[in-house]
Amino acid sequence: MKTVILANGNFPDHEVPLTCLREAELIVCCDGAAEKLVAHGLDPGVIIGDLDSVSETLKRRYESILFHDPDQETNDLTKAVRWCISRDIMEVFILGATGIREDHTLGNISLLADYSRDINATMLTDTGSFRVFDHSVTLDSVPGQQISLFSPDPSLAITSSGLRYPLQNLRLASWWCGTLNEAIGNSFRIEFENGQVIIFMEY
């Protein structure tokens, strides 16, 4: 079942996340994201959060699919991911998790590393996708495609092939160190051991 989690950041404009949204069999809305979804002519399958950003009109309309979680120590995106895991949903696409506030954007991207231990999550934005890998990986690409790498662990040694600026046991001590790279062919490979790498790929 193709499942989308829609967070309450910027509603997507790009055709890639919009197509993903339209093709979803289940849309899990984080609180006020339901308002944006309905405004774009789609219905949520689940609305989860503390529900303080959902109008009384929508609460009445979607009463049967409301999941109230008042926990203030956890953000609504994490609540949605945990709800999916509890229903044995093992793959999700996360949309609307960027924009509006930069602190929320950074927090949501970093949370992908936590989610990846329990679920296969891909975050789609209006410019590209974020995915987390805990093992070496070869990914399809197109020549000239912009690629950026981030490591939650600055001591992790990363080696790459198929990128314009190759990495050879490079440690990404700062977040900018692995950004603005570029695929030179139809695939590239990232190699590392015992860690996680967040890979951003431009559409």
Foldseek 3Di string as FASTA:
>chain_A
DAEEEEEQADAADAPVVVVSVVPHPAYEYEQLVQVVQVVVPDHHRAYEECNPNPDPVVCVVPVVRYDHDDDPVDGSVVVSLVVCVVVVNAEYEYENQDHPDHVSNVVVLVCLQVSVVRHFYWYQHNWWIKGKDQFKDKDFDAFFKFKFKAFPDQQWFKFKPQKPDTGDRHGCNDRCPRGGITGHHGMMIMGTHGGMMMMIITD
